[in-house]
Amino acid sequence: SKFIEILTYKAKWYGRDLIKIDTFFASSQLCNNCGYKNEEVKDLKIRNWKCSECGKVHDRDINASKNILDEGLKMQKAS
């Protein structure tokens, strides 16, 4: 897509790596505190949820962004 082209160009321009996360990575379903996968929050209407394992309360978007960052860093280390 054009957006990916622009990101790739900008990453190279600034000497950075662009790491692509799998489209089906369950970023909003994983607790970024303990790693528990809550499949009940697949519904996009659910904006906040509490992890049944560790009790941490999550904002869906903030939690997903932290999980995407963590996954990208793992992928970068592995390469």
PDB file of N, CA and C in Angstrom:
ATOM      1  N   SER A   1       0.830  -1.189   0.000  1.00  0.00           N
ATOM      2  CA  SER A   1       0.000   0.000   0.000  1.00  0.00           C
ATOM      3  C   SER A   1       0.877   1.256   0.000  1.00  0.00           C
ATOM      4  N   LYS A   2       0.269   2.345  -0.324  1.00  0.00           N
ATOM      5  CA  LYS A   2       0.986   3.626  -0.379  1.00  0.00           C
ATOM      6  C   LYS A   2       1.506   4.012   1.009  1.00  0.00           C
ATOM      7  N   PHE A   3       0.713   3.754   2.034  1.00  0.00           N
ATOM      8  CA  PHE A   3       1.119   4.080   3.401  1.00  0.00           C
ATOM      9  C   PHE A   3       2.403   3.341   3.788  1.00  0.00           C
ATOM     10  N   ILE A   4       2.479   2.056   3.460  1.00  0.00           N
ATOM     11  CA  ILE A   4       3.683   1.260   3.760  1.00  0.00           C
ATOM     12  C   ILE A   4       4.875   1.789   2.966  1.00  0.00           C
ATOM     13  N   GLU A   5       4.642   2.185   1.718  1.00  0.00           N
ATOM     14  CA  GLU A   5       5.709   2.779   0.906  1.00  0.00           C
ATOM     15  C   GLU A   5       6.284   4.021   1.587  1.00  0.00           C
ATOM     16  N   ILE A   6       5.400   4.870   2.072  1.00  0.00           N
ATOM     17  CA  ILE A   6       5.831   6.108   2.731  1.00  0.00           C
ATOM     18  C   ILE A   6       6.594   5.790   4.014  1.00  0.00           C
ATOM     19  N   LEU A   7       6.068   4.857   4.810  1.00  0.00           N
ATOM     20  CA  LEU A   7       6.762   4.472   6.048  1.00  0.00           C
ATOM     21  C   LEU A   7       8.141   3.895   5.758  1.00  0.00           C
ATOM     22  N   THR A   8       8.233   3.051   4.738  1.00  0.00           N
ATOM     23  CA  THR A   8       9.518   2.452   4.359  1.00  0.00           C
ATOM     24  C   THR A   8      10.510   3.535   3.946  1.00  0.00           C
ATOM     25  N   TYR A   9      10.064   4.469   3.129  1.00  0.00           N
ATOM     26  CA  TYR A   9      10.906   5.581   2.685  1.00  0.00           C
ATOM     27  C   TYR A   9      11.396   6.402   3.879  1.00  0.00           C
ATOM     28  N   LYS A  10      10.484   6.768   4.766  1.00  0.00           N
ATOM     29  CA  LYS A  10      10.844   7.591   5.928  1.00  0.00           C
ATOM     30  C   LYS A  10      11.784   6.842   6.869  1.00  0.00           C
ATOM     31  N   ALA A  11      11.550   5.549   7.055  1.00  0.00           N
ATOM     32  CA  ALA A  11      12.431   4.757   7.917  1.00  0.00           C
ATOM     33  C   ALA A  11      13.856   4.758   7.361  1.00  0.00           C
ATOM     34  N   LYS A  12      13.992   4.530   6.060  1.00  0.00           N
ATOM     35  CA  LYS A  12      15.321   4.550   5.432  1.00  0.00           C
ATOM     36  C   LYS A  12      15.950   5.936   5.537  1.00  0.00           C
ATOM     37  N   TRP A  13      15.159   6.974   5.307  1.00  0.00           N
ATOM     38  CA  TRP A  13      15.623   8.360   5.369  1.00  0.00           C
ATOM     39  C   TRP A  13      16.256   8.667   6.726  1.00  0.00           C
ATOM     40  N   TYR A  14      15.621   8.165   7.793  1.00  0.00           N
ATOM     41  CA  TYR A  14      16.103   8.433   9.148  1.00  0.00           C
ATOM     42  C   TYR A  14      16.989   7.318   9.704  1.00  0.00           C
ATOM     43  N   GLY A  15      17.372   6.356   8.858  1.00  0.00           N
ATOM     44  CA  GLY A  15      18.259   5.282   9.290  1.00  0.00           C
ATOM     45  C   GLY A  15      17.614   4.321  10.272  1.00  0.00           C
ATOM     46  N   ARG A  16      16.340   4.101  10.120  1.00  0.00           N
ATOM     47  CA  ARG A  16      15.580   3.223  11.019  1.00  0.00           C
ATOM     48  C   ARG A  16      15.118   1.977  10.283  1.00  0.00           C
ATOM     49  N   ASP A  17      14.722   0.986  11.068  1.00  0.00           N
ATOM     50  CA  ASP A  17      14.151  -0.233  10.509  1.00  0.00           C
ATOM     51  C   ASP A  17      12.632  -0.150  10.577  1.00  0.00           C
ATOM     52  N   LEU A  18      11.972  -0.649   9.551  1.00  0.00           N
ATOM     53  CA  LEU A  18      10.522  -0.791   9.572  1.00  0.00           C
ATOM     54  C   LEU A  18      10.234  -2.268   9.784  1.00  0.00           C
ATOM     55  N   ILE A  19       9.599  -2.576  10.882  1.00  0.00           N
ATOM     56  CA  ILE A  19       9.282  -3.961  11.216  1.00  0.00           C
ATOM     57  C   ILE A  19       7.780  -4.139  11.069  1.00  0.00           C
ATOM     58  N   LYS A  20       7.377  -5.077  10.233  1.00  0.00           N
ATOM     59  CA  LYS A  20       5.959  -5.313   9.974  1.00  0.00           C
ATOM     60  C   LYS A  20       5.463  -6.453  10.865  1.00  0.00           C
ATOM     61  N   ILE A  21       4.431  -6.156  11.626  1.00  0.00           N
ATOM     62  CA  ILE A  21       3.808  -7.137  12.507  1.00  0.00           C
ATOM     63  C   ILE A  21       2.722  -7.861  11.723  1.00  0.00           C
ATOM     64  N   ASP A  22       2.568  -9.153  11.970  1.00  0.00           N
ATOM     65  CA  ASP A  22       1.540  -9.946  11.303  1.00  0.00           C
ATOM     66  C   ASP A  22       0.158  -9.323  11.490  1.00  0.00           C
ATOM     67  N   THR A  23      -0.604  -9.273  10.427  1.00  0.00           N
ATOM     68  CA  THR A  23      -1.951  -8.700  10.450  1.00  0.00           C
ATOM     69  C   THR A  23      -2.831  -9.353  11.509  1.00  0.00           C
ATOM     70  N   PHE A  24      -2.628 -10.635  11.751  1.00  0.00           N
ATOM     71  CA  PHE A  24      -3.483 -11.373  12.678  1.00  0.00           C
ATOM     72  C   PHE A  24      -2.909 -11.455  14.091  1.00  0.00           C
ATOM     73  N   PHE A  25      -1.854 -10.696  14.388  1.00  0.00           N
ATOM     74  CA  PHE A  25      -1.312 -10.642  15.745  1.00  0.00           C
ATOM     75  C   PHE A  25      -2.392 -10.076  16.664  1.00  0.00           C
ATOM     76  N   ALA A  26      -2.692 -10.781  17.737  1.00  0.00           N
ATOM     77  CA  ALA A  26      -3.808 -10.425  18.639  1.00  0.00           C
ATOM     78  C   ALA A  26      -3.411  -9.326  19.618  1.00  0.00           C
ATOM     79  N   SER A  27      -3.011  -8.184  19.101  1.00  0.00           N
ATOM     80  CA  SER A  27      -2.456  -7.114  19.940  1.00  0.00           C
ATOM     81  C   SER A  27      -3.419  -6.586  20.992  1.00  0.00           C
ATOM     82  N   SER A  28      -4.690  -6.497  20.679  1.00  0.00           N
ATOM     83  CA  SER A  28      -5.639  -5.940  21.649  1.00  0.00           C
ATOM     84  C   SER A  28      -6.183  -6.987  22.608  1.00  0.00           C
ATOM     85  N   GLN A  29      -5.934  -8.254  22.329  1.00  0.00           N
ATOM     86  CA  GLN A  29      -6.435  -9.327  23.185  1.00  0.00           C
ATOM     87  C   GLN A  29      -5.429  -9.774  24.242  1.00  0.00           C
ATOM     88  N   LEU A  30      -4.163  -9.433  24.062  1.00  0.00           N
ATOM     89  CA  LEU A  30      -3.123  -9.863  24.997  1.00  0.00           C
ATOM     90  C   LEU A  30      -2.936  -8.844  26.108  1.00  0.00           C
ATOM     91  N   CYS A  31      -2.883  -9.318  27.337  1.00  0.00           N
ATOM     92  CA  CYS A  31      -2.579  -8.437  28.465  1.00  0.00           C
ATOM     93  C   CYS A  31      -1.100  -8.087  28.377  1.00  0.00           C
ATOM     94  N   ASN A  32      -0.786  -6.802  28.289  1.00  0.00           N
ATOM     95  CA  ASN A  32       0.621  -6.416  28.170  1.00  0.00           C
ATOM     96  C   ASN A  32       1.359  -6.532  29.496  1.00  0.00           C
ATOM     97  N   ASN A  33       0.642  -6.866  30.565  1.00  0.00           N
ATOM     98  CA  ASN A  33       1.260  -7.042  31.873  1.00  0.00           C
ATOM     99  C   ASN A  33       1.685  -8.496  32.110  1.00  0.00           C
ATOM    100  N   CYS A  34       0.778  -9.459  31.812  1.00  0.00           N
ATOM    101  CA  CYS A  34       1.082 -10.863  32.116  1.00  0.00           C
ATOM    102  C   CYS A  34       1.068 -11.779  30.895  1.00  0.00           C
ATOM    103  N   GLY A  35       0.560 -11.289  29.754  1.00  0.00           N
ATOM    104  CA  GLY A  35       0.547 -12.086  28.530  1.00  0.00           C
ATOM    105  C   GLY A  35      -0.704 -12.923  28.317  1.00  0.00           C
ATOM    106  N   TYR A  36      -1.654 -12.874  29.249  1.00  0.00           N
ATOM    107  CA  TYR A  36      -2.897 -13.638  29.114  1.00  0.00           C
ATOM    108  C   TYR A  36      -3.658 -13.184  27.870  1.00  0.00           C
ATOM    109  N   LYS A  37      -4.200 -14.150  27.104  1.00  0.00           N
ATOM    110  CA  LYS A  37      -4.975 -13.824  25.908  1.00  0.00           C
ATOM    111  C   LYS A  37      -6.463 -13.901  26.234  1.00  0.00           C
ATOM    112  N   ASN A  38      -7.126 -12.761  26.160  1.00  0.00           N
ATOM    113  CA  ASN A  38      -8.551 -12.658  26.448  1.00  0.00           C
ATOM    114  C   ASN A  38      -9.313 -12.586  25.128  1.00  0.00           C
ATOM    115  N   GLU A  39      -9.838 -13.717  24.680  1.00  0.00           N
ATOM    116  CA  GLU A  39     -10.534 -13.760  23.394  1.00  0.00           C
ATOM    117  C   GLU A  39     -11.909 -13.114  23.452  1.00  0.00           C
ATOM    118  N   GLU A  40     -12.383 -12.791  24.647  1.00  0.00           N
ATOM    119  CA  GLU A  40     -13.694 -12.152  24.790  1.00  0.00           C
ATOM    120  C   GLU A  40     -13.681 -10.697  24.319  1.00  0.00           C
ATOM    121  N   VAL A  41     -12.507 -10.111  24.150  1.00  0.00           N
ATOM    122  CA  VAL A  41     -12.432  -8.696  23.762  1.00  0.00           C
ATOM    123  C   VAL A  41     -12.216  -8.507  22.257  1.00  0.00           C
ATOM    124  N   LYS A  42     -12.544  -9.530  21.467  1.00  0.00           N
ATOM    125  CA  LYS A  42     -12.449  -9.401  20.009  1.00  0.00           C
ATOM    126  C   LYS A  42     -13.406  -8.336  19.483  1.00  0.00           C
ATOM    127  N   ASP A  43     -14.517  -8.161  20.164  1.00  0.00           N
ATOM    128  CA  ASP A  43     -15.531  -7.183  19.768  1.00  0.00           C
ATOM    129  C   ASP A  43     -14.955  -5.773  19.889  1.00  0.00           C
ATOM    130  N   LEU A  44     -14.942  -5.035  18.791  1.00  0.00           N
ATOM    131  CA  LEU A  44     -14.357  -3.690  18.783  1.00  0.00           C
ATOM    132  C   LEU A  44     -15.113  -2.692  19.647  1.00  0.00           C
ATOM    133  N   LYS A  45     -16.323  -3.032  20.041  1.00  0.00           N
ATOM    134  CA  LYS A  45     -17.101  -2.150  20.916  1.00  0.00           C
ATOM    135  C   LYS A  45     -16.534  -2.123  22.336  1.00  0.00           C
ATOM    136  N   ILE A  46     -15.792  -3.156  22.694  1.00  0.00           N
ATOM    137  CA  ILE A  46     -15.197  -3.223  24.033  1.00  0.00           C
ATOM    138  C   ILE A  46     -13.936  -2.371  24.030  1.00  0.00           C
ATOM    139  N   ARG A  47     -13.981  -1.229  24.698  1.00  0.00           N
ATOM    140  CA  ARG A  47     -12.875  -0.280  24.696  1.00  0.00           C
ATOM    141  C   ARG A  47     -11.954  -0.447  25.897  1.00  0.00           C
ATOM    142  N   ASN A  48     -12.475  -0.979  26.995  1.00  0.00           N
ATOM    143  CA  ASN A  48     -11.687  -1.209  28.210  1.00  0.00           C
ATOM    144  C   ASN A  48     -11.990  -2.604  28.720  1.00  0.00           C
ATOM    145  N   TRP A  49     -10.975  -3.242  29.271  1.00  0.00           N
ATOM    146  CA  TRP A  49     -11.196  -4.555  29.852  1.00  0.00           C
ATOM    147  C   TRP A  49     -10.205  -4.823  30.975  1.00  0.00           C
ATOM    148  N   LYS A  50     -10.600  -5.728  31.866  1.00  0.00           N
ATOM    149  CA  LYS A  50      -9.770  -6.092  33.011  1.00  0.00           C
ATOM    150  C   LYS A  50      -9.266  -7.514  32.807  1.00  0.00           C
ATOM    151  N   CYS A  51      -7.968  -7.703  32.957  1.00  0.00           N
ATOM    152  CA  CYS A  51      -7.367  -9.025  32.800  1.00  0.00           C
ATOM    153  C   CYS A  51      -7.833  -9.929  33.938  1.00  0.00           C
ATOM    154  N   SER A  52      -8.349 -11.094  33.577  1.00  0.00           N
ATOM    155  CA  SER A  52      -8.837 -12.027  34.594  1.00  0.00           C
ATOM    156  C   SER A  52      -7.695 -12.759  35.302  1.00  0.00           C
ATOM    157  N   GLU A  53      -6.491 -12.670  34.774  1.00  0.00           N
ATOM    158  CA  GLU A  53      -5.337 -13.330  35.397  1.00  0.00           C
ATOM    159  C   GLU A  53      -4.609 -12.428  36.391  1.00  0.00           C
ATOM    160  N   CYS A  54      -4.290 -11.200  35.983  1.00  0.00           N
ATOM    161  CA  CYS A  54      -3.490 -10.321  36.856  1.00  0.00           C
ATOM    162  C   CYS A  54      -4.273  -9.124  37.399  1.00  0.00           C
ATOM    163  N   GLY A  55      -5.472  -8.870  36.850  1.00  0.00           N
ATOM    164  CA  GLY A  55      -6.311  -7.792  37.355  1.00  0.00           C
ATOM    165  C   GLY A  55      -6.046  -6.412  36.767  1.00  0.00           C
ATOM    166  N   LYS A  56      -5.091  -6.308  35.866  1.00  0.00           N
ATOM    167  CA  LYS A  56      -4.788  -4.999  35.278  1.00  0.00           C
ATOM    168  C   LYS A  56      -5.922  -4.554  34.353  1.00  0.00           C
ATOM    169  N   VAL A  57      -6.278  -3.282  34.443  1.00  0.00           N
ATOM    170  CA  VAL A  57      -7.320  -2.706  33.592  1.00  0.00           C
ATOM    171  C   VAL A  57      -6.652  -2.084  32.367  1.00  0.00           C
ATOM    172  N   HIS A  58      -7.203  -2.393  31.190  1.00  0.00           N
ATOM    173  CA  HIS A  58      -6.602  -1.946  29.935  1.00  0.00           C
ATOM    174  C   HIS A  58      -7.526  -1.056  29.129  1.00  0.00           C
ATOM    175  N   ASP A  59      -6.959  -0.013  28.537  1.00  0.00           N
ATOM    176  CA  ASP A  59      -7.582   0.711  27.437  1.00  0.00           C
ATOM    177  C   ASP A  59      -7.169  -0.069  26.193  1.00  0.00           C
ATOM    178  N   ARG A  60      -8.118  -0.454  25.383  1.00  0.00           N
ATOM    179  CA  ARG A  60      -7.851  -1.320  24.237  1.00  0.00           C
ATOM    180  C   ARG A  60      -6.710  -0.814  23.350  1.00  0.00           C
ATOM    181  N   ASP A  61      -6.728   0.467  22.987  1.00  0.00           N
ATOM    182  CA  ASP A  61      -5.743   1.007  22.053  1.00  0.00           C
ATOM    183  C   ASP A  61      -4.355   1.135  22.670  1.00  0.00           C
ATOM    184  N   ILE A  62      -4.294   1.575  23.907  1.00  0.00           N
ATOM    185  CA  ILE A  62      -2.996   1.712  24.584  1.00  0.00           C
ATOM    186  C   ILE A  62      -2.371   0.343  24.788  1.00  0.00           C
ATOM    187  N   ASN A  63      -3.177  -0.623  25.230  1.00  0.00           N
ATOM    188  CA  ASN A  63      -2.690  -1.985  25.419  1.00  0.00           C
ATOM    189  C   ASN A  63      -2.172  -2.562  24.099  1.00  0.00           C
ATOM    190  N   ALA A  64      -2.930  -2.372  23.019  1.00  0.00           N
ATOM    191  CA  ALA A  64      -2.520  -2.889  21.711  1.00  0.00           C
ATOM    192  C   ALA A  64      -1.208  -2.256  21.259  1.00  0.00           C
ATOM    193  N   SER A  65      -1.060  -0.951  21.470  1.00  0.00           N
ATOM    194  CA  SER A  65       0.173  -0.282  21.032  1.00  0.00           C
ATOM    195  C   SER A  65       1.388  -0.797  21.796  1.00  0.00           C
ATOM    196  N   LYS A  66       1.216  -1.079  23.079  1.00  0.00           N
ATOM    197  CA  LYS A  66       2.326  -1.637  23.867  1.00  0.00           C
ATOM    198  C   LYS A  66       2.679  -3.038  23.381  1.00  0.00           C
ATOM    199  N   ASN A  67       1.660  -3.837  23.057  1.00  0.00           N
ATOM    200  CA  ASN A  67       1.909  -5.189  22.559  1.00  0.00           C
ATOM    201  C   ASN A  67       2.571  -5.172  21.188  1.00  0.00           C
ATOM    202  N   ILE A  68       2.181  -4.238  20.337  1.00  0.00           N
ATOM    203  CA  ILE A  68       2.805  -4.115  19.012  1.00  0.00           C
ATOM    204  C   ILE A  68       4.269  -3.708  19.152  1.00  0.00           C
ATOM    205  N   LEU A  69       4.553  -2.770  20.041  1.00  0.00           N
ATOM    206  CA  LEU A  69       5.938  -2.365  20.285  1.00  0.00           C
ATOM    207  C   LEU A  69       6.760  -3.548  20.789  1.00  0.00           C
ATOM    208  N   ASP A  70       6.232  -4.278  21.773  1.00  0.00           N
ATOM    209  CA  ASP A  70       6.948  -5.439  22.319  1.00  0.00           C
ATOM    210  C   ASP A  70       7.207  -6.496  21.247  1.00  0.00           C
ATOM    211  N   GLU A  71       6.197  -6.762  20.418  1.00  0.00           N
ATOM    212  CA  GLU A  71       6.345  -7.759  19.349  1.00  0.00           C
ATOM    213  C   GLU A  71       7.387  -7.301  18.330  1.00  0.00           C
ATOM    214  N   GLY A  72       7.370  -6.038  17.973  1.00  0.00           N
ATOM    215  CA  GLY A  72       8.359  -5.507  17.041  1.00  0.00           C
ATOM    216  C   GLY A  72       9.776  -5.611  17.583  1.00  0.00           C
ATOM    217  N   LEU A  73       9.945  -5.311  18.867  1.00  0.00           N
ATOM    218  CA  LEU A  73      11.270  -5.417  19.488  1.00  0.00           C
ATOM    219  C   LEU A  73      11.747  -6.865  19.538  1.00  0.00           C
ATOM    220  N   LYS A  74      10.827  -7.801  19.802  1.00  0.00           N
ATOM    221  CA  LYS A  74      11.177  -9.233  19.780  1.00  0.00           C
ATOM    222  C   LYS A  74      11.625  -9.651  18.384  1.00  0.00           C
ATOM    223  N   MET A  75      10.884  -9.197  17.372  1.00  0.00           N
ATOM    224  CA  MET A  75      11.226  -9.545  15.994  1.00  0.00           C
ATOM    225  C   MET A  75      12.564  -8.941  15.590  1.00  0.00           C
ATOM    226  N   GLN A  76      12.839  -7.735  16.057  1.00  0.00           N
ATOM    227  CA  GLN A  76      14.103  -7.074  15.740  1.00  0.00           C
ATOM    228  C   GLN A  76      15.272  -7.825  16.368  1.00  0.00           C
ATOM    229  N   LYS A  77      15.107  -8.266  17.611  1.00  0.00           N
ATOM    230  CA  LYS A  77      16.173  -9.021  18.283  1.00  0.00           C
ATOM    231  C   LYS A  77      16.428 -10.351  17.595  1.00  0.00           C
ATOM    232  N   ALA A  78      15.355 -10.987  17.113  1.00  0.00           N
ATOM    233  CA  ALA A  78      15.474 -12.298  16.478  1.00  0.00           C
ATOM    234  C   ALA A  78      16.155 -12.231  15.112  1.00  0.00           C
ATOM    235  N   SER A  79      16.141 -11.063  14.487  1.00  0.00           N
ATOM    236  CA  SER A  79      16.722 -10.968  13.131  1.00  0.00           C
ATOM    237  C   SER A  79      18.188 -10.611  13.162  1.00  0.00           C
TER     238      SER A  79
END
